C-alpha cells in the first residue's frame, strides 16, 4: 500500500497551530474518520481553550498492549507557513515531519496491518494537541494512559539515516521573581535593595550548574528588571531552562532550584520560584533494549539509533516506565521553519517497517 501524499496534504493545508483550537479539532476529526474505518473507537478529551486530545482504541485482548503516540499541533500561526507542496523527492509544509507526517506513517502502517490481517487488537493511538507548547495539559493524561500499555512507539521525525531515538534529555523550566526595594540611586542609594544585582548573582550561580561532560545545561534565557538608570531596581525576573540526560543530574538540578534562596547574596531581597520539571528524562533501559532487539528480529536487520537533546512526549511515556522508542516518523529537516520538508522515500520505508512491527504485535481475533 503506497503513501497517498494527496491525502496527507489535506492535513497539512488545514492549519493546526497550537492556539488554533478549531483547526486542531478539524484535523482530529479527519484523522478520526480514517481510524474509524479500521475499527477504532474514539475517546475525545474535550478542552475549552486548546484543541481536544483524542485516543483511538482498538479491541482489547490478551497480550501486550501497544500505544502509538503523536501530536496534532504545529508551530505556525494561520496566515504564515500554511501550504503543502511536493516535488519528486520531498514534501513541504507545516507538519510534514513534525509531526503530521509521523501520524500519517502510523495510519498507513495500521492500514497495511488491517488489510493483511483483517482486524487490529491491542494497538491504540493517542494524538495530543499541545506538544509544541510543552504538553502542559496533556502530559498528565499521557502518563495516566501509559500505565495501561507495555510498549510506546512515538512518531516524531526519524534521523538523517532513519535513526530511531533511544534517549532524550529531560527538561525543567523555572520562573524566578526577585523582590527588592526601590530607592533614588543618587539621594538614597544605601536605602535601596537592588533586585537586578540579585539577578546578576543568580545568573552566574545558575550557569555554574552546567556540566557539559554529563550533558547538563542550565540557561538563563530571559532577564527583566528595573525602572530607570536613577532608580535602585525594586524587582527583577529570570526565566531559566535546565536540560539533563540522567536521573542523578535531574535530582541535582531540581534540588539546586529548591534551595536557590540560599545562593542569593543580596540581603533583604526575596525570591519566588515557580515552575519545575516539564518533561522527565528518556533514558535507555533494560526494557527498551529488549524492545529494540525484538523489533530488529522482526525486521531482520539492526536499526540505527541516536540520542537527542530535544524533548517529545516520548519523555512522558518513558518516565511512566513504559518501554519507549521514538523517531518512527519520516526523515525531514527544516522543522519549525518555513523550509520544513520530509523525504518521500523515508515515508515509504517507515510505513513498511512500522507495518511489519505492528503486524507482529497485533492481537487479531
Protein backbone atom coordinates (compact mmCIF):
# COMPACT_ATOMS: atom_id res chain seq x y z
CA UNK A 1 0.00 0.00 0.00
CA UNK A 2 1.61 3.26 -1.14
CA UNK A 3 1.59 6.54 0.72
CA UNK A 4 -1.03 8.94 -0.66
CA UNK A 5 0.59 12.36 -0.39
CA UNK A 6 -2.60 13.99 -1.67
CA UNK A 7 -4.36 12.62 1.41
CA UNK A 8 -1.54 13.90 3.63
CA UNK A 9 -1.97 17.32 2.01
CA UNK A 10 -5.48 17.61 3.45
CA UNK A 11 -3.94 17.59 6.92
CA UNK A 12 -1.06 19.90 6.07
CA UNK A 13 -3.28 22.53 4.42
CA UNK A 14 -5.57 22.69 7.45
CA UNK A 15 -3.78 24.94 9.93
CA UNK A 16 -3.31 23.46 13.40
CA UNK A 17 -1.22 25.99 15.26
CA UNK A 18 -1.12 25.16 18.97
CA UNK A 19 -3.56 28.00 19.74
CA UNK A 20 -5.88 27.29 16.80
CA UNK A 21 -8.40 25.06 18.55
CA UNK A 22 -10.78 24.92 15.60
CA UNK A 23 -8.02 23.83 13.23
CA UNK A 24 -6.67 21.18 15.59
CA UNK A 25 -10.13 19.76 16.22
CA UNK A 26 -10.81 19.67 12.47
CA UNK A 27 -7.57 17.75 11.93
CA UNK A 28 -8.55 15.33 14.68
CA UNK A 29 -11.94 14.77 13.04
CA UNK A 30 -10.35 13.91 9.69
CA UNK A 31 -7.87 11.55 11.30
CA UNK A 32 -10.64 10.04 13.39
CA UNK A 33 -12.67 9.18 10.29
CA UNK A 34 -9.68 7.30 8.87
CA UNK A 35 -9.16 5.41 12.14
CA UNK A 36 -12.87 4.58 12.41
CA UNK A 37 -12.62 2.80 9.05
CA UNK A 38 -10.07 0.48 10.70
CA UNK A 39 -12.44 -0.41 13.51
CA UNK A 40 -11.20 2.09 16.07
CA UNK A 41 -13.38 3.76 18.68
CA UNK A 42 -12.55 7.36 19.54
CA UNK A 43 -12.39 8.78 23.03
CA UNK A 44 -12.19 12.58 22.98
CA UNK A 45 -10.78 14.57 25.87
CA UNK A 46 -12.51 17.90 25.38
CA UNK A 47 -10.66 21.11 26.16
CA UNK A 48 -12.08 24.64 26.10
CA UNK A 49 -9.00 26.75 25.38
CA UNK A 50 -6.86 24.32 23.36
CA UNK A 51 -7.52 21.54 20.90
CA UNK A 52 -9.03 18.30 22.11
CA UNK A 53 -6.85 15.26 22.76
CA UNK A 54 -8.04 12.09 21.01
CA UNK A 55 -7.42 8.47 21.98
CA UNK A 56 -8.15 5.87 19.31
CA UNK A 57 -8.79 2.47 20.88
CA UNK A 58 -8.76 -0.94 19.24
CA UNK A 59 -10.41 -4.02 20.67
CA UNK A 60 -8.69 -5.10 23.87
CA UNK A 61 -7.49 -8.69 24.10
CA UNK A 62 -4.89 -10.76 25.94
CA UNK A 63 -1.29 -9.95 25.13
CA UNK A 64 1.00 -6.92 25.20
CA UNK A 65 -0.59 -3.55 24.60
CA UNK A 66 0.99 -1.00 22.25
CA UNK A 67 0.47 2.77 22.31
CA UNK A 68 1.28 4.83 19.21
CA UNK A 69 1.84 8.46 20.11
CA UNK A 70 1.74 11.69 18.11
CA UNK A 71 0.64 15.30 18.31
CA UNK A 72 -1.78 17.33 16.23
CA UNK A 73 -0.38 20.82 16.73
CA UNK A 74 2.22 22.72 14.70
CA UNK A 75 4.13 25.92 15.42
CA UNK A 76 2.91 28.09 12.52
CA UNK A 77 0.02 30.53 13.08
CA UNK A 78 -2.67 30.89 10.42
CA UNK A 79 -1.55 33.03 7.50
CA UNK A 80 2.17 32.28 7.85
CA UNK A 81 3.51 28.97 6.53
CA UNK A 82 0.39 27.05 5.59
CA UNK A 83 0.58 25.26 2.24
CA UNK A 84 1.55 21.77 1.15
CA UNK A 85 3.73 21.26 -1.91
CA UNK A 86 5.88 18.47 -3.33
CA UNK A 87 8.48 17.54 -5.88
CA UNK A 88 9.95 14.17 -6.87
CA UNK A 89 11.91 13.68 -3.63
CA UNK A 90 10.31 15.83 -0.95
CA UNK A 91 7.03 17.02 0.50
CA UNK A 92 6.92 20.50 2.04
CA UNK A 93 4.65 22.18 4.54
CA UNK A 94 3.91 22.74 8.23
CA UNK A 95 3.98 19.38 9.95
CA UNK A 96 5.24 17.18 7.12
CA UNK A 97 7.93 15.91 9.50
CA UNK A 98 6.85 17.46 12.83
CA UNK A 99 4.61 15.66 13.04
CA UNK A 100 1.53 15.23 10.92
CA UNK A 101 3.78 13.23 8.63
CA UNK A 102 4.64 10.91 11.51
CA UNK A 103 0.99 10.48 12.42
CA UNK A 104 0.29 9.62 8.79
CA UNK A 105 3.05 6.97 8.79
CA UNK A 106 1.32 5.30 11.74
CA UNK A 107 -2.05 5.44 9.94
CA UNK A 108 -0.68 3.94 6.73
CA UNK A 109 1.07 1.17 8.67
CA UNK A 110 -2.17 0.35 10.50
CA UNK A 111 -3.98 0.23 7.17
CA UNK A 112 -1.48 -2.33 5.90
CA UNK A 113 -1.94 -4.47 9.02
CA UNK A 114 -5.72 -4.23 8.71
CA UNK A 115 -5.61 -5.20 5.03
CA UNK A 116 -3.34 -8.18 5.76
CA UNK A 117 -4.92 -9.47 8.96
CA UNK A 118 -8.47 -8.15 8.81
CA UNK A 119 -8.53 -6.94 12.40
CA UNK A 120 -6.49 -4.94 14.89
CA UNK A 121 -6.33 -5.53 18.63
CA UNK A 122 -4.29 -4.06 21.48
CA UNK A 123 -2.73 -1.32 19.32
CA UNK A 124 -4.06 2.11 20.26
CA UNK A 125 -3.10 5.65 19.25
CA UNK A 126 -3.06 8.90 21.21
CA UNK A 127 -2.86 12.28 19.49
CA UNK A 128 -2.45 15.29 21.78
CA UNK A 129 -2.96 18.93 20.91
CA UNK A 130 -0.31 20.84 22.86
CA UNK A 131 3.08 19.13 22.44
CA UNK A 132 4.68 22.14 20.77
CA UNK A 133 3.89 24.32 23.77
CA UNK A 134 5.25 21.84 26.31
CA UNK A 135 2.37 19.34 26.73
CA UNK A 136 1.39 21.27 29.85
CA UNK A 137 -2.18 19.97 29.70
CA UNK A 138 -1.66 16.61 28.01
CA UNK A 139 1.37 15.23 29.83
CA UNK A 140 -0.68 14.19 32.87
CA UNK A 141 -3.18 12.46 30.60
CA UNK A 142 -0.42 10.73 28.63
CA UNK A 143 1.27 9.49 31.79
CA UNK A 144 -2.02 8.20 33.16
CA UNK A 145 -2.94 6.35 29.97
CA UNK A 146 0.60 4.99 29.57
CA UNK A 147 0.11 2.87 32.69
CA UNK A 148 -2.15 0.57 30.63
CA UNK A 149 0.49 -0.15 27.97
CA UNK A 150 3.58 -2.29 27.67
CA UNK A 151 5.13 -0.54 24.66
CA UNK A 152 5.08 3.02 23.29
CA UNK A 153 6.18 3.93 19.77
CA UNK A 154 6.42 7.66 19.09
CA UNK A 155 6.24 9.11 15.58
CA UNK A 156 8.45 12.17 15.76
CA UNK A 157 10.76 12.52 12.75
CA UNK A 158 13.44 9.92 12.03
CA UNK A 159 17.12 10.82 11.96
CA UNK A 160 19.04 11.51 8.76
CA UNK A 161 19.96 7.83 8.47
CA UNK A 162 16.49 6.73 9.60
CA UNK A 163 17.61 6.51 13.22
CA UNK A 164 15.14 5.79 15.97
CA UNK A 165 15.54 7.69 19.23
CA UNK A 166 16.56 5.81 22.37
CA UNK A 167 17.18 8.77 24.70
CA UNK A 168 16.11 12.38 25.16
CA UNK A 169 17.13 14.94 27.73
CA UNK A 170 14.71 15.86 30.44
CA UNK A 171 13.76 19.49 30.78
CA UNK A 172 12.78 21.81 33.62
CA UNK A 173 11.65 25.41 33.27
CA UNK A 174 11.68 27.91 36.14
CA UNK A 175 10.41 31.45 36.65
CA UNK A 176 12.23 33.38 39.37
CA UNK A 177 10.78 36.63 40.72
CA UNK A 178 13.13 38.79 42.78
CA UNK A 179 11.69 41.46 45.03
CA UNK A 180 13.98 44.22 46.23
CA UNK A 181 13.33 47.77 47.41
CA UNK A 182 13.23 50.80 45.16
CA UNK A 183 15.12 53.98 46.04
CA UNK A 184 16.57 57.05 44.34
CA UNK A 185 20.01 56.00 43.07
CA UNK A 186 21.52 59.41 43.79
CA UNK A 187 19.94 60.56 47.03
CA UNK A 188 19.10 57.29 48.81
CA UNK A 189 21.36 54.65 47.27
CA UNK A 190 22.05 52.79 50.52
CA UNK A 191 18.34 52.58 51.34
CA UNK A 192 17.57 50.51 48.24
CA UNK A 193 17.76 46.74 47.74
CA UNK A 194 18.85 46.06 44.19
CA UNK A 195 16.87 43.22 42.62
CA UNK A 196 18.96 43.50 39.47
CA UNK A 197 22.11 42.82 41.49
CA UNK A 198 20.50 39.68 42.89
CA UNK A 199 19.54 38.66 39.36
CA UNK A 200 23.15 39.04 38.23
CA UNK A 201 24.50 36.88 41.08
CA UNK A 202 21.85 34.24 40.48
CA UNK A 203 22.57 34.19 36.77
CA UNK A 204 26.23 33.41 37.46
CA UNK A 205 25.34 30.75 40.02
CA UNK A 206 22.73 29.04 37.85
CA UNK A 207 25.04 28.98 34.84
CA UNK A 208 27.69 27.33 37.02
CA UNK A 209 25.36 24.35 37.46
CA UNK A 210 26.01 23.40 33.83
CA UNK A 211 28.06 20.23 33.38
CA UNK A 212 28.72 19.63 29.70
CA UNK A 213 30.59 16.41 30.42
CA UNK A 214 27.36 14.92 31.78
CA UNK A 215 25.13 16.58 29.20
CA UNK A 216 23.58 19.02 31.67
CA UNK A 217 22.87 22.61 30.68
CA UNK A 218 21.31 25.46 32.64
CA UNK A 219 20.39 28.53 30.63
CA UNK A 220 19.12 31.85 32.00
CA UNK A 221 17.30 32.68 28.81
CA UNK A 222 15.49 35.88 29.78
CA UNK A 223 16.18 38.63 32.32
CA UNK A 224 13.92 41.60 33.01
CA UNK A 225 14.00 44.16 35.79
CA UNK A 226 14.40 47.71 36.94
CA UNK A 227 12.71 51.00 36.22
CA UNK A 228 15.34 53.54 35.20
CA UNK A 229 19.03 54.36 35.46
CA UNK A 230 18.48 56.54 38.52
CA UNK A 231 16.36 54.02 40.43
CA UNK A 232 17.57 51.10 42.56
CA UNK A 233 15.71 48.20 40.97
CA UNK A 234 12.76 47.03 43.11
CA UNK A 235 12.12 43.91 41.03
CA UNK A 236 13.61 41.53 38.51
CA UNK A 237 12.64 38.28 36.82
CA UNK A 238 14.60 35.35 35.38
CA UNK A 239 13.34 32.64 33.04
CA UNK A 240 15.57 29.58 33.25
CA UNK A 241 15.68 26.29 31.36
CA UNK A 242 17.63 23.23 32.51
CA UNK A 243 18.22 20.04 30.49
CA UNK A 244 19.76 16.79 31.71
CA UNK A 245 20.44 13.31 30.40
CA UNK A 246 20.15 11.22 33.57
CA UNK A 247 18.17 10.96 36.77
CA UNK A 248 21.15 11.75 39.01
CA UNK A 249 21.67 15.05 37.23
CA UNK A 250 17.94 15.72 37.24
CA UNK A 251 17.86 15.33 41.02
CA UNK A 252 20.90 17.59 41.42
CA UNK A 253 19.38 20.36 39.33
CA UNK A 254 15.91 20.18 40.88
CA UNK A 255 17.46 20.30 44.36
CA UNK A 256 19.52 23.36 43.38
CA UNK A 257 16.37 25.27 42.45
CA UNK A 258 14.63 24.12 45.62
CA UNK A 259 17.45 25.65 47.70
CA UNK A 260 18.02 28.67 45.46
CA UNK A 261 17.33 31.33 48.15
CA UNK A 262 20.48 30.16 49.96
CA UNK A 263 22.53 31.32 47.00
CA UNK A 264 21.15 34.85 46.89
CA UNK A 265 23.77 37.14 48.46
CA UNK A 266 21.72 40.35 48.32
CA UNK A 267 20.38 40.96 51.82
CA UNK A 268 16.71 41.84 52.22
CA UNK A 269 15.80 40.72 48.68
CA UNK A 270 13.32 37.88 48.33
CA UNK A 271 12.84 35.15 45.75
CA UNK A 272 9.68 33.50 44.48
CA UNK A 273 10.47 30.39 42.41
CA UNK A 274 7.78 28.73 40.28
CA UNK A 275 7.85 26.11 37.55
CA UNK A 276 9.68 22.81 37.71
CA UNK A 277 10.07 19.58 35.78
CA UNK A 278 8.40 19.87 32.38
CA UNK A 279 9.32 16.50 30.89
CA UNK A 280 11.18 13.66 32.52
CA UNK A 281 14.36 12.08 31.21
CA UNK A 282 14.06 9.44 28.49
CA UNK A 283 16.88 7.02 29.22
CA UNK A 284 17.85 3.75 27.62
CA UNK A 285 16.89 0.92 29.96
CA UNK A 286 16.66 -2.86 30.01
CA UNK A 287 13.02 -2.91 28.85
CA UNK A 288 13.79 -0.58 25.98
CA UNK A 289 16.82 -2.61 24.92
CA UNK A 290 14.70 -5.75 24.91
CA UNK A 291 12.07 -4.00 22.77
CA UNK A 292 14.72 -2.81 20.33
CA UNK A 293 16.11 -6.35 19.98
CA UNK A 294 12.60 -7.69 19.43
CA UNK A 295 11.91 -5.15 16.70
CA UNK A 296 15.21 -5.86 14.99
CA UNK A 297 14.36 -9.57 14.95
CA UNK A 298 11.00 -8.74 13.38
CA UNK A 299 12.64 -6.60 10.69
CA UNK A 300 15.62 -8.87 10.16
CA UNK A 301 18.21 -6.10 10.44
CA UNK A 302 19.55 -3.67 13.07
CA UNK A 303 18.12 -0.19 13.40
CA UNK A 304 20.27 2.90 13.59
CA UNK A 305 19.76 4.68 16.90
CA UNK A 306 20.54 8.11 18.31
CA UNK A 307 20.14 10.31 21.38
CA UNK A 308 18.60 13.77 21.16
CA UNK A 309 18.74 16.87 23.31
CA UNK A 310 15.22 17.96 22.37
CA UNK A 311 12.18 16.60 24.17
CA UNK A 312 8.98 14.95 22.99
CA UNK A 313 6.10 13.06 24.54
CA UNK A 314 8.37 10.01 24.49
CA UNK A 315 9.85 11.56 27.64
CA UNK A 316 6.46 11.22 29.29
CA UNK A 317 5.85 7.55 28.46
CA UNK A 318 9.44 6.62 29.28
CA UNK A 319 9.14 8.48 32.58
CA UNK A 320 6.00 6.45 33.29
CA UNK A 321 8.04 3.26 32.97
CA UNK A 322 6.84 2.14 29.53
CA UNK A 323 9.36 0.65 27.08
CA UNK A 324 9.56 3.53 24.60
CA UNK A 325 11.20 4.15 21.23
CA UNK A 326 10.85 7.40 19.30
CA UNK A 327 11.61 8.62 15.78
CA UNK A 328 9.33 6.32 13.78
CA UNK A 329 8.17 9.20 11.58
CA UNK A 330 9.73 10.13 8.22
CA UNK A 331 13.11 11.82 7.94
CA UNK A 332 12.83 15.54 7.41
CA UNK A 333 14.56 18.79 8.17
CA UNK A 334 13.77 22.47 8.47
CA UNK A 335 11.18 21.76 11.14
CA UNK A 336 9.94 24.88 12.95
CA UNK A 337 10.97 26.94 9.88
CA UNK A 338 9.33 27.79 6.58
CA UNK A 339 11.68 25.29 4.94
CA UNK A 340 10.18 22.25 6.66
CA UNK A 341 10.26 19.19 4.41
CA UNK A 342 10.19 15.40 4.60
CA UNK A 343 11.64 12.72 2.36
CA UNK A 344 9.15 10.74 0.27
CA UNK A 345 11.45 7.71 0.30
CA UNK A 346 11.55 7.76 4.10
CA UNK A 347 7.75 7.72 4.25
CA UNK A 348 7.67 4.50 2.26
CA UNK A 349 10.49 2.96 4.31
CA UNK A 350 8.92 3.83 7.63
CA UNK A 351 5.42 2.67 6.65
CA UNK A 352 6.77 -0.73 5.61
CA UNK A 353 8.89 -1.06 8.76
CA UNK A 354 6.15 0.00 11.14
CA UNK A 355 3.60 -2.25 9.42
CA UNK A 356 5.89 -5.27 9.97
CA UNK A 357 6.39 -4.31 13.60
CA UNK A 358 2.70 -3.77 14.28
CA UNK A 359 1.70 -6.94 12.45
CA UNK A 360 3.94 -8.88 14.83
CA UNK A 361 2.39 -7.21 17.88
CA UNK A 362 -1.18 -7.34 16.59
CA UNK A 363 -3.64 -9.48 18.51
CA UNK A 364 -6.36 -10.32 15.97
CA UNK A 365 -9.40 -12.42 16.83
